[in-house]
Amino acid sequence: MRGALALVVISGACLVACGGDSYVIVTVSARPTVHDVTSLQVTQVNNGATRTDTLDLGTHMLPATFSISDAARSGELDLSISGLGSDGSVVGLGSATTMFDAADATVQLDPADFVVNTDYAMDEFLTTDYETPGYQLAVTSDFKWTAAYRNTCSDTCNIFARTFGADGLPVKTAAAAGTNAFQVTSATTTAGAFPAIASAGTASVVVWDFSDTVGAGVGVACRGIDATGALTAGQRTLSTDVADTVTIASLPTGNFAVSWQVYTPAAAVHTIIAKPD
């Protein structure tokens, strides 16, 4: 399959293509949450034939413009473009369909999936309890969002969290002394613990059901995260129930409603109001 890509002359923020007497001009832009694109991997599909090229952006940023030239081809042209980071990872994805007799085409890159957890020594997950999905993410009034999760473990489990900005970039927190994840638990728990998190204003609270690995303590634990990403001093115990499926929601007062299930002496749902600290 022919159809050469030209990426030649740099002008301002755009890369302008030249060469060839029949070509399609393709402009690639990106949403604000797509970062650090250093090259574009462009796949063309036309009449059942496929070609892939990689275009190095160098020090230049998106939007970028290049040309696909081939006087011998016609008909529909399918484009799939991956924005690659310096390590070769895919940080943005976009696609478009155009015609070879069209003057130009545009492709917008959407953010690709990225890894939240930074502790690779163990597997980590949001939850493995079918009753608890959907409670592990919260956003503050300054549009920072925090994910809470747990490590794979048997009897020495911990709860972790990591904070990001509205642009999808990790935020520096006092708890992490950087942009990585940080440990929320100050005492290890057994494998039955699953986190939930909620935010009110610029404060967040993480809660989880715990069974101490040292001693026989059980219940519902919590720990606050302030606007700087600093953790409150140690985890607190909200209840000593043998708890299951802890959930949390913010209140207009700035406090939080925390609920959990108990099974003895009878099945019931319990609730307590917790402060941000």
Protein backbone atom coordinates (compact mmCIF):
# COMPACT_ATOMS: atom_id res chain seq x y z
CA MET A 1 0.00 0.00 0.00
CA ARG A 2 1.42 3.37 -0.96
CA GLY A 3 0.28 6.68 0.48
CA ALA A 4 3.33 8.42 1.88
CA LEU A 5 3.07 10.75 4.86
CA ALA A 6 4.93 14.02 4.73
CA LEU A 7 5.74 15.97 7.89
CA VAL A 8 8.26 18.57 6.86
CA VAL A 9 7.93 22.29 7.56
CA ILE A 10 7.40 23.61 11.07
CA SER A 11 5.37 26.80 11.40
CA GLY A 12 4.25 27.99 14.83
CA ALA A 13 2.41 25.22 16.66
CA CYS A 14 1.55 23.34 13.47
CA LEU A 15 3.54 20.92 11.39
CA VAL A 16 2.77 21.69 7.76
CA ALA A 17 3.22 19.04 5.09
CA CYS A 18 4.39 19.48 1.57
CA GLY A 19 5.23 17.37 -1.45
CA GLY A 20 3.06 15.40 -3.87
CA ASP A 21 0.50 16.74 -6.35
CA SER A 22 -2.46 14.84 -4.83
CA TYR A 23 -2.85 14.72 -1.09
CA VAL A 24 -5.14 14.92 1.94
CA ILE A 25 -4.19 17.36 4.70
CA VAL A 26 -4.81 15.83 8.15
CA THR A 27 -4.85 17.99 11.28
CA VAL A 28 -4.51 16.24 14.64
CA SER A 29 -5.65 18.01 17.81
CA ALA A 30 -6.10 16.71 21.34
CA ARG A 31 -8.37 17.22 24.31
CA PRO A 32 -6.78 19.10 27.25
CA THR A 33 -6.51 15.82 29.19
CA VAL A 34 -4.09 14.36 26.61
CA HIS A 35 -0.50 15.11 27.62
CA ASP A 36 3.09 14.57 26.54
CA VAL A 37 2.53 13.32 22.99
CA THR A 38 5.94 12.96 21.33
CA SER A 39 4.94 11.07 18.18
CA LEU A 40 1.91 10.06 16.15
CA GLN A 41 1.32 6.50 14.98
CA VAL A 42 -0.91 6.81 11.90
CA THR A 43 -2.71 3.80 10.41
CA GLN A 44 -4.38 4.19 7.00
CA VAL A 45 -6.93 1.75 5.60
CA ASN A 46 -8.01 2.10 1.96
CA ASN A 47 -9.61 -0.53 -0.28
CA GLY A 48 -8.66 -3.34 2.13
CA ALA A 49 -4.99 -2.37 2.34
CA THR A 50 -3.37 -1.09 5.55
CA ARG A 51 -0.30 1.02 6.19
CA THR A 52 1.12 2.32 9.48
CA ASP A 53 3.67 5.15 9.87
CA THR A 54 5.09 6.89 12.93
CA LEU A 55 5.68 10.65 12.80
CA ASP A 56 8.05 12.19 15.36
CA LEU A 57 6.80 15.53 16.74
CA GLY A 58 10.14 16.43 18.26
CA THR A 59 9.75 19.37 20.64
CA HIS A 60 6.51 20.56 19.05
CA MET A 61 3.04 20.29 20.54
CA LEU A 62 -0.35 19.48 19.11
CA PRO A 63 -2.20 20.49 16.98
CA ALA A 64 -0.08 19.03 14.16
CA THR A 65 -0.77 18.84 10.44
CA PHE A 66 0.56 16.32 7.94
CA SER A 67 -0.28 15.19 4.41
CA ILE A 68 -1.07 11.81 2.89
CA SER A 69 -0.16 11.87 -0.78
CA ASP A 70 -0.94 9.28 -3.45
CA ALA A 71 -2.36 10.12 -6.86
CA ALA A 72 -3.08 6.41 -7.53
CA ARG A 73 -5.57 5.93 -4.70
CA SER A 74 -9.21 6.98 -4.43
CA GLY A 75 -12.30 6.33 -2.38
CA GLU A 76 -12.71 6.10 1.38
CA LEU A 77 -9.74 6.54 3.72
CA ASP A 78 -9.98 5.34 7.33
CA LEU A 79 -7.50 6.89 9.75
CA SER A 80 -6.61 5.62 13.22
CA ILE A 81 -4.10 7.73 15.12
CA SER A 82 -2.37 6.95 18.41
CA GLY A 83 -0.54 9.66 20.32
CA LEU A 84 2.57 8.08 21.83
CA GLY A 85 4.57 9.20 24.85
CA SER A 86 8.36 9.22 25.03
CA ASP A 87 8.32 5.66 26.39
CA GLY A 88 6.17 4.40 23.52
CA SER A 89 3.00 4.13 25.60
CA VAL A 90 -0.32 5.20 24.08
CA VAL A 91 -1.53 8.42 25.74
CA GLY A 92 -4.20 9.43 23.21
CA LEU A 93 -6.43 7.82 20.60
CA GLY A 94 -8.45 9.19 17.69
CA SER A 95 -9.97 8.13 14.37
CA ALA A 96 -11.71 9.61 11.35
CA THR A 97 -13.00 8.64 7.93
CA THR A 98 -12.49 10.86 4.89
CA MET A 99 -12.29 10.59 1.10
CA PHE A 100 -9.17 10.85 -1.04
CA ASP A 101 -10.75 13.64 -3.05
CA ALA A 102 -11.39 15.66 0.14
CA ALA A 103 -9.11 18.61 0.80
CA ASP A 104 -8.57 17.92 4.48
CA ALA A 105 -9.54 15.86 7.52
CA THR A 106 -9.40 16.39 11.28
CA VAL A 107 -8.74 13.90 14.07
CA GLN A 108 -9.11 14.65 17.77
CA LEU A 109 -7.19 12.54 20.27
CA ASP A 110 -9.07 11.42 23.37
CA PRO A 111 -7.13 10.33 26.46
CA ALA A 112 -6.17 6.67 26.64
CA ASP A 113 -6.42 4.62 29.82
CA PHE A 114 -3.64 5.24 32.30
CA VAL A 115 -2.51 3.54 35.48
CA VAL A 116 -3.64 5.12 38.75
CA ASN A 117 -1.81 2.96 41.29
CA THR A 118 1.95 3.35 41.62
CA ASP A 119 2.77 0.47 43.99
CA TYR A 120 3.66 -2.31 41.56
CA ALA A 121 5.03 -4.68 44.22
CA MET A 122 1.52 -6.10 44.67
CA ASP A 123 -1.68 -6.26 42.65
CA GLU A 124 -4.12 -3.52 43.60
CA PHE A 125 -7.83 -3.13 42.91
CA LEU A 126 -10.85 -0.94 43.65
CA THR A 127 -12.91 -3.80 45.07
CA THR A 128 -13.60 -7.49 44.58
CA ASP A 129 -16.90 -7.37 46.51
CA TYR A 130 -19.89 -7.23 44.15
CA GLU A 131 -21.78 -5.12 46.73
CA THR A 132 -19.25 -2.29 46.82
CA PRO A 133 -18.40 -1.06 43.28
CA GLY A 134 -18.86 2.63 42.54
CA TYR A 135 -17.81 4.09 45.89
CA GLN A 136 -14.06 4.40 45.25
CA LEU A 137 -13.91 7.77 43.48
CA ALA A 138 -14.63 11.31 44.70
CA VAL A 139 -14.08 14.88 43.44
CA THR A 140 -13.53 18.04 45.50
CA SER A 141 -14.85 21.54 44.80
CA ASP A 142 -11.48 22.52 43.26
CA PHE A 143 -11.95 19.69 40.75
CA LYS A 144 -9.30 17.37 42.13
CA TRP A 145 -10.35 13.72 42.18
CA THR A 146 -9.09 10.91 44.35
CA ALA A 147 -9.34 7.16 43.80
CA ALA A 148 -9.21 4.80 46.79
CA TYR A 149 -8.22 1.14 46.42
CA ARG A 150 -6.67 -1.83 48.22
CA ASN A 151 -3.75 -4.17 47.72
CA THR A 152 -4.04 -7.91 47.16
CA CYS A 153 -3.28 -9.51 50.49
CA SER A 154 -4.25 -12.18 52.98
CA ASP A 155 -3.87 -10.77 56.49
CA THR A 156 -1.79 -7.59 56.15
CA CYS A 157 -3.94 -5.39 53.93
CA ASN A 158 -3.76 -1.63 53.42
CA ILE A 159 -5.95 1.02 51.78
CA PHE A 160 -4.29 3.41 49.30
CA ALA A 161 -5.33 6.54 47.43
CA ARG A 162 -4.04 8.81 44.70
CA THR A 163 -5.14 12.31 43.68
CA PHE A 164 -5.39 13.83 40.19
CA GLY A 165 -6.35 17.22 38.77
CA ALA A 166 -9.17 18.02 36.36
CA ASP A 167 -6.62 17.73 33.52
CA GLY A 168 -5.94 14.09 34.42
CA LEU A 169 -2.42 14.78 35.69
CA PRO A 170 -1.41 13.47 39.13
CA VAL A 171 -1.40 16.10 41.85
CA LYS A 172 1.33 16.55 44.45
CA THR A 173 -0.01 15.71 47.90
CA ALA A 174 1.46 16.16 51.35
CA ALA A 175 0.66 12.52 52.15
CA ALA A 176 2.75 11.23 49.25
CA ALA A 177 5.35 14.04 49.34
CA GLY A 178 4.98 13.92 45.57
CA THR A 179 2.50 12.78 42.94
CA ASN A 180 2.46 9.04 43.68
CA ALA A 181 -0.12 7.06 45.61
CA PHE A 182 -0.15 7.18 49.41
CA GLN A 183 -1.19 4.74 52.13
CA VAL A 184 -4.39 5.70 53.96
CA THR A 185 -4.48 2.99 56.64
CA SER A 186 -2.32 3.43 59.72
CA ALA A 187 -3.09 -0.13 60.93
CA THR A 188 -3.22 -3.20 58.69
CA THR A 189 -6.48 -5.08 58.24
CA THR A 190 -7.50 -8.49 56.93
CA ALA A 191 -8.73 -9.15 53.39
CA GLY A 192 -12.40 -8.28 54.01
CA ALA A 193 -11.78 -4.52 53.91
CA PHE A 194 -13.01 -2.47 50.94
CA PRO A 195 -12.73 1.33 50.69
CA ALA A 196 -15.25 4.05 49.89
CA ILE A 197 -14.53 7.77 49.54
CA ALA A 198 -16.51 11.01 49.34
CA SER A 199 -15.63 14.71 49.18
CA ALA A 200 -17.22 17.88 50.58
CA GLY A 201 -15.65 21.19 49.63
CA THR A 202 -11.92 20.58 49.44
CA ALA A 203 -11.93 17.80 52.06
CA SER A 204 -12.28 14.07 51.46
CA VAL A 205 -12.89 11.13 53.79
CA VAL A 206 -11.99 7.50 53.12
CA VAL A 207 -13.90 4.80 55.02
CA TRP A 208 -13.53 1.01 55.13
CA ASP A 209 -14.67 -2.02 57.13
CA PHE A 210 -11.75 -3.48 59.05
CA SER A 211 -10.59 -6.44 61.11
CA ASP A 212 -7.32 -5.70 62.90
CA THR A 213 -4.37 -8.00 62.25
CA VAL A 214 -3.03 -7.17 65.71
CA GLY A 215 -5.68 -7.74 68.36
CA ALA A 216 -9.37 -8.47 67.82
CA GLY A 217 -10.61 -5.03 66.80
CA VAL A 218 -13.32 -4.80 64.12
CA GLY A 219 -15.51 -2.01 62.82
CA VAL A 220 -15.66 0.94 60.46
CA ALA A 221 -12.54 3.07 60.11
CA CYS A 222 -12.07 6.47 58.50
CA ARG A 223 -9.32 8.91 57.64
CA GLY A 224 -9.56 12.44 56.30
CA ILE A 225 -7.62 14.11 53.47
CA ASP A 226 -7.42 17.91 53.48
CA ALA A 227 -7.02 20.41 50.63
CA THR A 228 -3.23 19.96 50.55
CA GLY A 229 -3.51 16.18 50.37
CA ALA A 230 -2.42 15.75 53.98
CA LEU A 231 -3.93 12.89 55.99
CA THR A 232 -5.44 13.37 59.42
CA ALA A 233 -3.36 11.95 62.25
CA GLY A 234 -4.04 8.22 62.10
CA GLN A 235 -7.22 6.39 61.23
CA ARG A 236 -10.27 6.77 63.47
CA THR A 237 -12.87 4.15 64.40
CA LEU A 238 -16.45 5.22 63.68
CA SER A 239 -18.05 1.98 64.85
CA THR A 240 -17.06 -1.34 66.43
CA ASP A 241 -19.80 -3.26 64.60
CA VAL A 242 -18.85 -6.35 62.61
CA ALA A 243 -19.46 -4.27 59.49
CA ASP A 244 -19.83 -4.99 55.80
CA THR A 245 -20.31 -2.86 52.66
CA VAL A 246 -19.38 0.61 53.95
CA THR A 247 -20.62 3.59 51.91
CA ILE A 248 -20.21 7.34 52.34
CA ALA A 249 -21.85 10.51 51.00
CA SER A 250 -21.16 14.21 51.54
CA LEU A 251 -23.69 16.52 53.22
CA PRO A 252 -24.32 20.26 52.59
CA THR A 253 -22.94 20.96 56.08
CA GLY A 254 -19.49 19.71 55.05
CA ASN A 255 -19.92 16.54 57.11
CA PHE A 256 -20.39 13.01 55.79
CA ALA A 257 -23.04 10.32 56.20
CA VAL A 258 -21.46 6.87 56.55
CA SER A 259 -23.57 3.69 56.27
CA TRP A 260 -22.79 0.01 56.65
CA GLN A 261 -24.48 -3.36 56.84
CA VAL A 262 -24.54 -5.65 59.90
CA TYR A 263 -25.81 -9.24 60.08
CA THR A 264 -25.87 -9.92 63.83
CA PRO A 265 -27.87 -10.01 66.00
CA ALA A 266 -30.15 -9.18 63.01
CA ALA A 267 -29.60 -7.77 59.57
CA ALA A 268 -29.69 -3.97 59.65
CA VAL A 269 -28.22 -0.85 58.08
CA HIS A 270 -26.43 1.52 60.46
CA THR A 271 -25.45 5.15 59.83
CA ILE A 272 -23.28 7.74 61.54
CA ILE A 273 -22.42 11.37 60.73
CA ALA A 274 -18.66 11.98 60.50
CA LYS A 275 -16.73 15.24 60.36
CA PRO A 276 -13.97 15.83 57.77
CA ASP A 277 -11.38 15.15 60.50
